[in-house]
N, C-alpha and C. Protein backbone atom coordinates (compact mmCIF):
# COMPACT_ATOMS: atom_id res chain seq x y z
N MET A 1 99.82 79.76 107.00
CA MET A 1 98.68 80.33 106.35
C MET A 1 98.56 81.84 106.59
N LYS A 2 98.78 82.21 107.85
CA LYS A 2 98.68 83.66 108.23
C LYS A 2 99.74 84.52 107.51
N LYS A 3 100.95 83.88 107.38
CA LYS A 3 102.03 84.61 106.72
C LYS A 3 101.67 84.83 105.23
N LEU A 4 101.09 83.81 104.66
CA LEU A 4 100.69 83.92 103.27
C LEU A 4 99.62 85.02 103.07
N PHE A 5 98.65 85.03 103.98
CA PHE A 5 97.56 86.04 104.04
C PHE A 5 98.15 87.46 104.07
N ILE A 6 99.07 87.66 104.99
CA ILE A 6 99.68 88.99 105.20
C ILE A 6 100.50 89.41 103.94
N LEU A 7 101.25 88.41 103.38
CA LEU A 7 102.02 88.68 102.16
C LEU A 7 101.06 89.07 101.04
N ILE A 8 99.95 88.39 100.87
CA ILE A 8 99.02 88.69 99.78
C ILE A 8 98.45 90.08 99.98
N ILE A 9 98.14 90.40 101.17
CA ILE A 9 97.58 91.76 101.45
C ILE A 9 98.53 92.84 101.11
N PHE A 10 99.85 92.68 101.57
CA PHE A 10 100.83 93.70 101.33
C PHE A 10 101.16 93.84 99.78
N ILE A 11 101.25 92.68 99.11
CA ILE A 11 101.53 92.74 97.67
C ILE A 11 100.34 93.33 96.94
N SER A 12 99.14 92.95 97.24
CA SER A 12 97.98 93.49 96.55
C SER A 12 97.78 94.97 96.88
N ASN A 13 98.23 95.40 98.03
CA ASN A 13 98.19 96.79 98.38
C ASN A 13 98.96 97.67 97.47
N SER A 14 100.07 97.15 96.97
CA SER A 14 100.96 97.99 96.13
C SER A 14 100.58 97.87 94.62
N ILE A 15 99.87 96.85 94.26
CA ILE A 15 99.60 96.65 92.82
C ILE A 15 98.10 96.85 92.48
N TYR A 16 97.26 97.01 93.47
CA TYR A 16 95.86 97.09 93.17
C TYR A 16 95.25 98.29 93.84
N ALA A 17 94.54 99.05 93.09
CA ALA A 17 93.96 100.30 93.63
C ALA A 17 92.48 100.03 94.12
N GLY A 18 92.34 99.38 95.20
CA GLY A 18 90.99 99.07 95.75
C GLY A 18 90.69 100.05 96.89
N MET A 19 89.85 99.62 97.77
CA MET A 19 89.45 100.48 98.89
C MET A 19 90.21 100.09 100.14
N SER A 20 90.86 101.08 100.73
CA SER A 20 91.64 100.86 101.92
C SER A 20 90.67 100.70 103.15
N VAL A 21 91.24 100.14 104.22
CA VAL A 21 90.42 100.05 105.46
C VAL A 21 89.98 101.39 105.89
N LYS A 22 90.86 102.38 105.83
CA LYS A 22 90.52 103.74 106.22
C LYS A 22 89.34 104.28 105.36
N ASP A 23 89.43 104.09 104.08
CA ASP A 23 88.27 104.49 103.14
C ASP A 23 86.99 103.73 103.52
N TYR A 24 87.18 102.44 103.79
CA TYR A 24 86.03 101.64 104.08
C TYR A 24 85.36 102.14 105.37
N GLN A 25 86.11 102.55 106.42
CA GLN A 25 85.51 103.01 107.61
C GLN A 25 84.73 104.26 107.38
N GLU A 26 85.20 105.15 106.48
CA GLU A 26 84.50 106.36 106.06
C GLU A 26 83.26 106.00 105.23
N PHE A 27 83.41 105.05 104.32
CA PHE A 27 82.39 104.64 103.46
C PHE A 27 81.24 104.03 104.18
N LYS A 28 81.47 103.49 105.37
CA LYS A 28 80.39 102.83 106.12
C LYS A 28 79.31 103.80 106.49
N LYS A 29 79.53 105.06 106.48
CA LYS A 29 78.54 106.06 106.78
C LYS A 29 77.38 106.02 105.75
N ASP A 30 77.73 105.60 104.52
CA ASP A 30 76.73 105.44 103.48
C ASP A 30 76.46 103.93 103.31
N LYS A 31 75.57 103.50 104.21
CA LYS A 31 75.37 102.03 104.34
C LYS A 31 74.83 101.42 103.07
N ASN A 32 73.98 102.03 102.35
CA ASN A 32 73.38 101.44 101.15
C ASN A 32 74.47 101.24 100.08
N SER A 33 75.31 102.31 99.85
CA SER A 33 76.40 102.17 98.84
C SER A 33 77.36 101.09 99.32
N LEU A 34 77.72 101.04 100.56
CA LEU A 34 78.75 100.10 101.06
C LEU A 34 78.15 98.69 100.82
N GLU A 35 76.92 98.44 101.15
CA GLU A 35 76.35 97.09 100.99
C GLU A 35 76.39 96.66 99.57
N TRP A 36 76.07 97.59 98.62
CA TRP A 36 76.13 97.21 97.17
C TRP A 36 77.51 96.98 96.71
N TYR A 37 78.48 97.73 97.25
CA TYR A 37 79.87 97.56 96.90
C TYR A 37 80.32 96.14 97.30
N LEU A 38 80.01 95.77 98.53
CA LEU A 38 80.37 94.47 99.06
C LEU A 38 79.71 93.34 98.27
N LEU A 39 78.43 93.55 97.94
CA LEU A 39 77.70 92.57 97.11
C LEU A 39 78.36 92.42 95.73
N GLY A 40 78.82 93.56 95.17
CA GLY A 40 79.57 93.47 93.90
C GLY A 40 80.81 92.69 93.99
N LEU A 41 81.52 92.91 95.12
CA LEU A 41 82.75 92.06 95.34
C LEU A 41 82.42 90.60 95.45
N GLY A 42 81.41 90.32 96.26
CA GLY A 42 81.02 88.96 96.47
C GLY A 42 80.59 88.28 95.12
N ASN A 43 79.84 88.99 94.36
CA ASN A 43 79.40 88.51 93.01
C ASN A 43 80.59 88.33 92.10
N GLY A 44 81.55 89.23 92.13
CA GLY A 44 82.76 89.09 91.33
C GLY A 44 83.58 87.83 91.72
N PHE A 45 83.72 87.62 93.02
CA PHE A 45 84.43 86.43 93.47
C PHE A 45 83.63 85.19 93.07
N GLY A 46 82.33 85.25 93.12
CA GLY A 46 81.51 84.07 92.74
C GLY A 46 81.65 83.81 91.22
N PHE A 47 81.64 84.86 90.40
CA PHE A 47 81.78 84.68 88.99
C PHE A 47 83.17 84.11 88.61
N SER A 48 84.19 84.57 89.39
CA SER A 48 85.56 83.99 89.19
C SER A 48 85.56 82.48 89.51
N ASN A 49 84.85 82.10 90.61
CA ASN A 49 84.71 80.63 90.90
C ASN A 49 84.05 79.91 89.80
N THR A 50 83.00 80.47 89.24
CA THR A 50 82.30 79.79 88.11
C THR A 50 83.18 79.62 86.93
N GLU A 51 83.98 80.66 86.65
CA GLU A 51 84.90 80.59 85.48
C GLU A 51 85.95 79.50 85.73
N LEU A 52 86.51 79.45 86.93
CA LEU A 52 87.50 78.43 87.27
C LEU A 52 86.88 77.01 87.15
N GLN A 53 85.71 76.82 87.67
CA GLN A 53 85.02 75.53 87.56
C GLN A 53 84.76 75.15 86.13
N SER A 54 84.44 76.13 85.30
CA SER A 54 84.20 75.83 83.87
C SER A 54 85.45 75.39 83.16
N ARG A 55 86.62 75.68 83.73
CA ARG A 55 87.87 75.23 83.17
C ARG A 55 88.42 74.06 83.94
N ASN A 56 87.55 73.38 84.69
CA ASN A 56 87.96 72.22 85.48
C ASN A 56 89.15 72.58 86.43
N THR A 57 89.12 73.71 86.99
CA THR A 57 90.15 74.17 87.88
C THR A 57 89.51 74.37 89.26
N THR A 58 90.28 74.19 90.31
CA THR A 58 89.79 74.28 91.70
C THR A 58 89.33 75.78 91.91
N PRO A 59 88.15 75.96 92.39
CA PRO A 59 87.68 77.30 92.74
C PRO A 59 88.55 77.99 93.82
N ILE A 60 88.36 79.25 93.99
CA ILE A 60 89.06 79.96 95.04
C ILE A 60 88.56 79.61 96.44
N TYR A 61 87.24 79.51 96.57
CA TYR A 61 86.63 79.08 97.81
C TYR A 61 85.44 78.26 97.46
N CYS A 62 85.00 77.39 98.39
CA CYS A 62 83.89 76.44 98.13
C CYS A 62 82.77 76.50 99.15
N PRO A 63 81.87 77.43 98.99
CA PRO A 63 80.74 77.51 99.99
C PRO A 63 79.83 76.34 99.73
N PRO A 64 79.01 76.05 100.73
CA PRO A 64 77.93 74.98 100.52
C PRO A 64 77.03 75.41 99.38
N PRO A 65 76.57 74.46 98.57
CA PRO A 65 75.79 74.83 97.38
C PRO A 65 74.53 75.59 97.70
N ASP A 66 73.96 75.41 98.85
CA ASP A 66 72.71 76.06 99.17
C ASP A 66 72.92 77.40 99.91
N LEU A 67 74.14 77.89 100.07
CA LEU A 67 74.46 79.10 100.76
C LEU A 67 74.31 80.26 99.85
N LYS A 68 73.58 81.23 100.20
CA LYS A 68 73.50 82.50 99.45
C LYS A 68 74.16 83.61 100.27
N LEU A 69 75.33 84.07 99.81
CA LEU A 69 76.00 85.08 100.54
C LEU A 69 75.33 86.44 100.40
N THR A 70 74.90 87.03 101.46
CA THR A 70 74.19 88.30 101.50
C THR A 70 75.19 89.43 101.75
N LYS A 71 74.75 90.68 101.50
CA LYS A 71 75.54 91.81 101.78
C LYS A 71 75.95 91.87 103.23
N GLU A 72 74.96 91.55 104.09
CA GLU A 72 75.25 91.55 105.54
C GLU A 72 76.30 90.51 105.92
N MET A 73 76.21 89.35 105.35
CA MET A 73 77.18 88.30 105.66
C MET A 73 78.62 88.69 105.21
N LEU A 74 78.69 89.28 104.02
CA LEU A 74 79.98 89.73 103.55
C LEU A 74 80.57 90.82 104.42
N GLN A 75 79.73 91.79 104.87
CA GLN A 75 80.22 92.81 105.70
C GLN A 75 80.70 92.24 107.06
N ARG A 76 79.96 91.31 107.64
CA ARG A 76 80.41 90.72 108.89
C ARG A 76 81.78 89.97 108.70
N MET A 77 81.94 89.33 107.60
CA MET A 77 83.21 88.62 107.30
C MET A 77 84.32 89.64 107.23
N LEU A 78 84.09 90.71 106.54
CA LEU A 78 85.12 91.71 106.41
C LEU A 78 85.45 92.39 107.74
N GLU A 79 84.45 92.69 108.51
CA GLU A 79 84.61 93.29 109.81
C GLU A 79 85.47 92.36 110.72
N LYS A 80 85.23 91.04 110.64
CA LYS A 80 86.02 90.09 111.42
C LYS A 80 87.48 90.12 110.97
N ARG A 81 87.65 90.13 109.64
CA ARG A 81 89.08 90.13 109.14
C ARG A 81 89.82 91.43 109.60
N ILE A 82 89.10 92.54 109.50
CA ILE A 82 89.73 93.85 109.90
C ILE A 82 90.09 93.80 111.39
N LYS A 83 89.19 93.26 112.18
CA LYS A 83 89.46 93.17 113.61
C LYS A 83 90.72 92.30 113.85
N GLU A 84 90.81 91.21 113.11
CA GLU A 84 91.95 90.31 113.29
C GLU A 84 93.30 90.95 113.01
N ILE A 85 93.32 91.95 112.12
CA ILE A 85 94.60 92.57 111.74
C ILE A 85 94.78 93.95 112.35
N SER A 86 93.81 94.39 113.13
CA SER A 86 93.83 95.79 113.58
C SER A 86 95.02 96.14 114.51
N ASN A 87 95.71 95.13 114.97
CA ASN A 87 96.88 95.42 115.85
C ASN A 87 98.15 95.59 115.03
N LYS A 88 98.10 95.41 113.71
CA LYS A 88 99.26 95.51 112.82
C LYS A 88 99.47 97.01 112.47
N PRO A 89 100.67 97.45 112.49
CA PRO A 89 100.96 98.84 112.12
C PRO A 89 100.58 99.10 110.65
N GLY A 90 99.87 100.16 110.38
CA GLY A 90 99.51 100.56 108.98
C GLY A 90 98.39 99.74 108.41
N TYR A 91 97.67 98.97 109.21
CA TYR A 91 96.55 98.15 108.72
C TYR A 91 95.46 99.00 107.99
N GLU A 92 95.32 100.23 108.42
CA GLU A 92 94.27 101.11 107.85
C GLU A 92 94.52 101.43 106.38
N ASN A 93 95.75 101.22 105.94
CA ASN A 93 96.07 101.49 104.55
C ASN A 93 96.01 100.24 103.68
N LEU A 94 95.69 99.12 104.20
CA LEU A 94 95.57 97.91 103.46
C LEU A 94 94.26 97.85 102.77
N GLN A 95 94.21 97.09 101.68
CA GLN A 95 92.97 96.95 100.83
C GLN A 95 92.00 95.94 101.39
N ILE A 96 90.71 96.30 101.31
CA ILE A 96 89.67 95.35 101.86
C ILE A 96 89.36 94.22 100.98
N GLU A 97 89.51 94.35 99.65
CA GLU A 97 89.12 93.29 98.74
C GLU A 97 89.89 91.97 99.01
N PRO A 98 91.19 91.98 99.10
CA PRO A 98 91.87 90.69 99.41
C PRO A 98 91.54 90.22 100.82
N MET A 99 91.20 91.13 101.72
CA MET A 99 90.83 90.69 103.06
C MET A 99 89.53 89.90 103.01
N LEU A 100 88.57 90.40 102.24
CA LEU A 100 87.27 89.68 102.19
C LEU A 100 87.52 88.32 101.50
N LEU A 101 88.28 88.29 100.45
CA LEU A 101 88.53 87.06 99.74
C LEU A 101 89.25 86.07 100.63
N SER A 102 90.24 86.54 101.42
CA SER A 102 90.94 85.60 102.30
C SER A 102 89.99 85.08 103.39
N LYS A 103 89.04 85.83 103.78
CA LYS A 103 88.07 85.38 104.74
C LYS A 103 87.20 84.33 104.19
N LEU A 104 86.79 84.55 102.92
CA LEU A 104 85.96 83.55 102.25
C LEU A 104 86.70 82.21 102.06
N THR A 105 88.01 82.34 101.69
CA THR A 105 88.78 81.09 101.57
C THR A 105 88.98 80.36 102.84
N GLU A 106 89.10 81.15 103.97
CA GLU A 106 89.26 80.60 105.30
C GLU A 106 88.01 79.88 105.73
N LEU A 107 86.86 80.53 105.54
CA LEU A 107 85.54 79.94 105.97
C LEU A 107 85.09 78.78 105.07
N TYR A 108 85.41 78.85 103.77
CA TYR A 108 84.89 77.87 102.83
C TYR A 108 86.04 77.31 101.96
N PRO A 109 86.93 76.61 102.65
CA PRO A 109 88.06 76.00 101.85
C PRO A 109 87.61 74.89 100.90
N CYS A 110 88.32 74.73 99.85
CA CYS A 110 88.03 73.66 98.90
C CYS A 110 88.84 72.48 99.36
N THR A 111 88.15 71.42 99.74
CA THR A 111 88.82 70.25 100.27
C THR A 111 89.31 69.31 99.20
N SER A 112 88.71 69.26 98.04
CA SER A 112 89.17 68.36 97.02
C SER A 112 89.34 69.14 95.76
N LYS A 113 90.40 68.77 95.03
CA LYS A 113 90.70 69.44 93.78
C LYS A 113 89.89 68.84 92.63
N ILE A 114 89.54 69.69 91.71
CA ILE A 114 88.80 69.21 90.55
C ILE A 114 89.87 68.60 89.59
N LYS A 115 89.63 67.41 89.08
CA LYS A 115 90.53 66.76 88.17
C LYS A 115 90.25 67.22 86.77
N SER A 116 91.36 67.55 86.08
CA SER A 116 91.18 67.94 84.69
C SER A 116 91.44 66.81 83.69
């Protein structure tokens, strides 16, 4: 699973122009903007899940139905993921978006597939 995560991060780093860890560390100085950016990411991931479910496809991640992901929760998840990879060379150039998504899938795995 960890190898897949690292592969996804490196592939997405080369094909997706998101925010690098280095940029994220600088962006943290503007707390309000950062929180809204993270909330936008979380909402986008949630909308993707809704679209997948509407097509009777397994969602990307499966949080409890009563869980409301807040900006603060998303930032804590991202910070944990960054800490987990901070010993890897060049980690500061990796993108934060797939890191957050991988943390969501780790914390809220989908245990059963939706049948089509």
